[in-house]
Amino acid sequence: MPEDRGPAGTTPSSAVRPRAVAVISGIVAAEATALLAAAAWYGFQLASGAPVMSFWGAVFTLGLLLAFASWLFAVAVFLFRGFRWPRAGALVAQLFVLTIGFPTLTGGLPVAGAAMLIPAATAIVLLFDKRVIRFASRAASEPPAL
């Protein structure tokens, strides 16, 4: 693909972003949005007085959902910008989704399972594309000089 090639010796910020990076970032952002929606539903149920075994345990679970959604949004944004570290975060998140998606698929909810497995498998395959690896090679910005 001609849009995936940048001139030799260019930095990721000046190279053309591969489509695969945008696809992976979109998948991760969609997963973060789904977690945010689950957190909103969970918070609404908690606020409306739904019975729970432990109120503070439920609050902690809500905090975990919000933290993981925030982390996934950060992974999506920084991968889109070309940093190196979000590739590992995106891979771990996709492996978690596979861990939940496969039992969901085989446990009687094939549509929900496929909705989890197909994007996760796509993201995992694209994460190892050489154009994605080349684009996402920036470690960090230069350190400030005081």
C-alpha atoms as a PDB file:
ATOM      1  CA  MET A   1       0.000   0.000   0.000  1.00  0.00           C
ATOM      2  CA  PRO A   2       1.582   3.281  -1.000  1.00  0.00           C
ATOM      3  CA  GLU A   3       0.112   5.206   1.959  1.00  0.00           C
ATOM      4  CA  ASP A   4       1.793   2.822   4.394  1.00  0.00           C
ATOM      5  CA  ARG A   5       5.306   3.643   3.207  1.00  0.00           C
ATOM      6  CA  GLY A   6       7.225   6.612   4.476  1.00  0.00           C
ATOM      7  CA  PRO A   7      10.548   7.922   3.221  1.00  0.00           C
ATOM      8  CA  ALA A   8      13.552   6.123   4.634  1.00  0.00           C
ATOM      9  CA  GLY A   9      14.834   7.590   7.884  1.00  0.00           C
ATOM     10  CA  THR A  10      11.647   9.400   8.854  1.00  0.00           C
ATOM     11  CA  THR A  11      10.304   9.505  12.383  1.00  0.00           C
ATOM     12  CA  PRO A  12       6.838   8.141  13.176  1.00  0.00           C
ATOM     13  CA  SER A  13       5.490  11.656  13.617  1.00  0.00           C
ATOM     14  CA  SER A  14       6.408  12.539  10.032  1.00  0.00           C
ATOM     15  CA  ALA A  15       5.666   9.117   8.495  1.00  0.00           C
ATOM     16  CA  VAL A  16       2.285   8.255   7.080  1.00  0.00           C
ATOM     17  CA  ARG A  17       0.150   6.358   9.581  1.00  0.00           C
ATOM     18  CA  PRO A  18      -0.675   2.811   8.400  1.00  0.00           C
ATOM     19  CA  ARG A  19      -4.366   1.961   8.211  1.00  0.00           C
ATOM     20  CA  ALA A  20      -3.753  -0.977  10.543  1.00  0.00           C
ATOM     21  CA  VAL A  21      -2.768   1.439  13.329  1.00  0.00           C
ATOM     22  CA  ALA A  22      -6.047   3.301  12.903  1.00  0.00           C
ATOM     23  CA  VAL A  23      -7.977   0.004  12.906  1.00  0.00           C
ATOM     24  CA  ILE A  24      -6.272  -1.217  16.085  1.00  0.00           C
ATOM     25  CA  SER A  25      -6.786   2.139  17.789  1.00  0.00           C
ATOM     26  CA  GLY A  26     -10.454   2.081  16.784  1.00  0.00           C
ATOM     27  CA  ILE A  27     -10.922  -1.429  18.159  1.00  0.00           C
ATOM     28  CA  VAL A  28      -9.260  -0.524  21.463  1.00  0.00           C
ATOM     29  CA  ALA A  29     -11.258   2.720  21.708  1.00  0.00           C
ATOM     30  CA  ALA A  30     -14.486   0.805  21.029  1.00  0.00           C
ATOM     31  CA  GLU A  31     -13.596  -1.647  23.798  1.00  0.00           C
ATOM     32  CA  ALA A  32     -12.895   1.280  26.140  1.00  0.00           C
ATOM     33  CA  THR A  33     -16.255   2.785  25.241  1.00  0.00           C
ATOM     34  CA  ALA A  34     -17.963  -0.544  25.959  1.00  0.00           C
ATOM     35  CA  LEU A  35     -16.255  -0.681  29.361  1.00  0.00           C
ATOM     36  CA  LEU A  36     -17.340   2.884  30.050  1.00  0.00           C
ATOM     37  CA  ALA A  37     -20.931   1.968  29.161  1.00  0.00           C
ATOM     38  CA  ALA A  38     -20.723  -1.088  31.451  1.00  0.00           C
ATOM     39  CA  ALA A  39     -19.383   1.142  34.231  1.00  0.00           C
ATOM     40  CA  ALA A  40     -22.249   3.603  33.713  1.00  0.00           C
ATOM     41  CA  TRP A  41     -24.794   0.780  33.851  1.00  0.00           C
ATOM     42  CA  TYR A  42     -23.075  -0.703  36.916  1.00  0.00           C
ATOM     43  CA  GLY A  43     -22.994   2.704  38.631  1.00  0.00           C
ATOM     44  CA  PHE A  44     -26.673   3.289  37.841  1.00  0.00           C
ATOM     45  CA  GLN A  45     -27.577  -0.101  39.307  1.00  0.00           C
ATOM     46  CA  LEU A  46     -25.480   0.653  42.373  1.00  0.00           C
ATOM     47  CA  ALA A  47     -27.069   4.088  42.837  1.00  0.00           C
ATOM     48  CA  SER A  48     -30.598   2.789  42.322  1.00  0.00           C
ATOM     49  CA  GLY A  49     -30.268   0.402  45.240  1.00  0.00           C
ATOM     50  CA  ALA A  50     -29.766  -2.921  43.484  1.00  0.00           C
ATOM     51  CA  PRO A  51     -28.879  -5.574  46.073  1.00  0.00           C
ATOM     52  CA  VAL A  52     -25.152  -6.215  46.442  1.00  0.00           C
ATOM     53  CA  MET A  53     -23.198  -8.449  48.797  1.00  0.00           C
ATOM     54  CA  SER A  54     -20.730  -5.708  49.687  1.00  0.00           C
ATOM     55  CA  PHE A  55     -21.330  -2.061  48.905  1.00  0.00           C
ATOM     56  CA  TRP A  56     -17.648  -1.124  49.070  1.00  0.00           C
ATOM     57  CA  GLY A  57     -16.730  -4.140  46.982  1.00  0.00           C
ATOM     58  CA  ALA A  58     -19.163  -2.908  44.341  1.00  0.00           C
ATOM     59  CA  VAL A  59     -17.676   0.591  44.521  1.00  0.00           C
ATOM     60  CA  PHE A  60     -14.208  -0.920  44.085  1.00  0.00           C
ATOM     61  CA  THR A  61     -15.414  -2.880  41.035  1.00  0.00           C
ATOM     62  CA  LEU A  62     -16.848   0.313  39.578  1.00  0.00           C
ATOM     63  CA  GLY A  63     -13.493   2.023  40.133  1.00  0.00           C
ATOM     64  CA  LEU A  64     -11.715  -0.835  38.351  1.00  0.00           C
ATOM     65  CA  LEU A  65     -14.063  -0.562  35.361  1.00  0.00           C
ATOM     66  CA  LEU A  66     -13.437   3.174  35.122  1.00  0.00           C
ATOM     67  CA  ALA A  67      -9.678   2.786  35.513  1.00  0.00           C
ATOM     68  CA  PHE A  68      -9.445   0.074  32.870  1.00  0.00           C
ATOM     69  CA  ALA A  69     -11.589   2.114  30.455  1.00  0.00           C
ATOM     70  CA  SER A  70      -9.303   5.128  30.987  1.00  0.00           C
ATOM     71  CA  TRP A  71      -6.231   2.980  30.431  1.00  0.00           C
ATOM     72  CA  LEU A  72      -7.670   1.585  27.190  1.00  0.00           C
ATOM     73  CA  PHE A  73      -8.457   5.093  25.929  1.00  0.00           C
ATOM     74  CA  ALA A  74      -4.842   6.086  26.656  1.00  0.00           C
ATOM     75  CA  VAL A  75      -3.578   2.991  24.819  1.00  0.00           C
ATOM     76  CA  ALA A  76      -5.727   3.831  21.793  1.00  0.00           C
ATOM     77  CA  VAL A  77      -4.605   7.468  21.652  1.00  0.00           C
ATOM     78  CA  PHE A  78      -0.902   6.831  22.144  1.00  0.00           C
ATOM     79  CA  LEU A  79      -0.841   3.913  19.704  1.00  0.00           C
ATOM     80  CA  PHE A  80      -2.505   6.164  17.142  1.00  0.00           C
ATOM     81  CA  ARG A  81       0.226   8.744  17.797  1.00  0.00           C
ATOM     82  CA  GLY A  82       2.977   6.192  17.168  1.00  0.00           C
ATOM     83  CA  PHE A  83       4.387   5.379  20.591  1.00  0.00           C
ATOM     84  CA  ARG A  84       5.913   1.972  21.309  1.00  0.00           C
ATOM     85  CA  TRP A  85       4.466   1.092  24.728  1.00  0.00           C
ATOM     86  CA  PRO A  86       0.759   0.902  23.755  1.00  0.00           C
ATOM     87  CA  ARG A  87       1.387  -2.136  21.546  1.00  0.00           C
ATOM     88  CA  ALA A  88       1.986  -4.260  24.654  1.00  0.00           C
ATOM     89  CA  GLY A  89      -1.043  -2.788  26.394  1.00  0.00           C
ATOM     90  CA  ALA A  90      -3.243  -3.408  23.382  1.00  0.00           C
ATOM     91  CA  LEU A  91      -2.018  -6.999  23.134  1.00  0.00           C
ATOM     92  CA  VAL A  92      -2.738  -7.691  26.813  1.00  0.00           C
ATOM     93  CA  ALA A  93      -6.207  -6.164  26.500  1.00  0.00           C
ATOM     94  CA  GLN A  94      -6.973  -8.311  23.433  1.00  0.00           C
ATOM     95  CA  LEU A  95      -5.830 -11.440  25.268  1.00  0.00           C
ATOM     96  CA  PHE A  96      -8.214 -10.563  28.120  1.00  0.00           C
ATOM     97  CA  VAL A  97     -11.024 -10.102  25.600  1.00  0.00           C
ATOM     98  CA  LEU A  98     -10.219 -13.507  24.059  1.00  0.00           C
ATOM     99  CA  THR A  99     -10.303 -15.035  27.544  1.00  0.00           C
ATOM    100  CA  ILE A 100     -13.839 -13.721  28.067  1.00  0.00           C
ATOM    101  CA  GLY A 101     -15.031 -14.013  24.455  1.00  0.00           C
ATOM    102  CA  PHE A 102     -14.366 -17.714  23.926  1.00  0.00           C
ATOM    103  CA  PRO A 103     -16.415 -18.941  26.923  1.00  0.00           C
ATOM    104  CA  THR A 104     -19.131 -16.468  25.946  1.00  0.00           C
ATOM    105  CA  LEU A 105     -19.199 -17.901  22.420  1.00  0.00           C
ATOM    106  CA  THR A 106     -19.332 -21.508  23.606  1.00  0.00           C
ATOM    107  CA  GLY A 107     -21.614 -20.770  26.566  1.00  0.00           C
ATOM    108  CA  GLY A 108     -24.734 -20.027  24.567  1.00  0.00           C
ATOM    109  CA  LEU A 109     -24.214 -16.413  23.537  1.00  0.00           C
ATOM    110  CA  PRO A 110     -22.682 -16.778  20.070  1.00  0.00           C
ATOM    111  CA  VAL A 111     -23.385 -13.232  18.873  1.00  0.00           C
ATOM    112  CA  ALA A 112     -21.829 -11.609  21.940  1.00  0.00           C
ATOM    113  CA  GLY A 113     -18.899 -14.032  21.813  1.00  0.00           C
ATOM    114  CA  ALA A 114     -18.257 -13.364  18.130  1.00  0.00           C
ATOM    115  CA  ALA A 115     -18.556  -9.614  18.768  1.00  0.00           C
ATOM    116  CA  MET A 116     -15.676  -9.987  21.227  1.00  0.00           C
ATOM    117  CA  LEU A 117     -13.541 -12.551  19.399  1.00  0.00           C
ATOM    118  CA  ILE A 118     -13.486 -11.137  15.870  1.00  0.00           C
ATOM    119  CA  PRO A 119     -12.214  -7.624  16.735  1.00  0.00           C
ATOM    120  CA  ALA A 120      -9.740  -9.009  19.284  1.00  0.00           C
ATOM    121  CA  ALA A 121      -8.305 -11.510  16.805  1.00  0.00           C
ATOM    122  CA  THR A 122      -8.115  -8.801  14.145  1.00  0.00           C
ATOM    123  CA  ALA A 123      -6.254  -6.466  16.489  1.00  0.00           C
ATOM    124  CA  ILE A 124      -3.806  -9.196  17.530  1.00  0.00           C
ATOM    125  CA  VAL A 125      -2.970 -10.042  13.922  1.00  0.00           C
ATOM    126  CA  LEU A 126      -2.552  -6.371  12.985  1.00  0.00           C
ATOM    127  CA  LEU A 127      -0.364  -5.662  16.029  1.00  0.00           C
ATOM    128  CA  PHE A 128       2.314  -7.892  14.521  1.00  0.00           C
ATOM    129  CA  ASP A 129       2.198  -6.313  11.055  1.00  0.00           C
ATOM    130  CA  LYS A 130       5.617  -4.935  10.113  1.00  0.00           C
ATOM    131  CA  ARG A 131       4.164  -1.553   9.126  1.00  0.00           C
ATOM    132  CA  VAL A 132       2.553  -1.200  12.549  1.00  0.00           C
ATOM    133  CA  ILE A 133       5.793  -2.180  14.280  1.00  0.00           C
ATOM    134  CA  ARG A 134       7.763   0.287  12.157  1.00  0.00           C
ATOM    135  CA  PHE A 135       5.297   3.122  12.793  1.00  0.00           C
ATOM    136  CA  ALA A 136       4.989   2.461  16.526  1.00  0.00           C
ATOM    137  CA  SER A 137       8.686   2.667  17.231  1.00  0.00           C
ATOM    138  CA  ARG A 138       8.888   5.980  19.071  1.00  0.00           C
ATOM    139  CA  ALA A 139       9.827   5.349  22.696  1.00  0.00           C
ATOM    140  CA  ALA A 140       8.963   8.756  24.153  1.00  0.00           C
ATOM    141  CA  SER A 141       9.470  12.426  23.570  1.00  0.00           C
ATOM    142  CA  GLU A 142      12.771  14.105  24.354  1.00  0.00           C
ATOM    143  CA  PRO A 143      13.268  14.841  28.057  1.00  0.00           C
ATOM    144  CA  PRO A 144      12.690  18.444  29.077  1.00  0.00           C
ATOM    145  CA  ALA A 145      15.794  20.585  29.584  1.00  0.00           C
ATOM    146  CA  LEU A 146      14.753  22.288  32.817  1.00  0.00           C
END
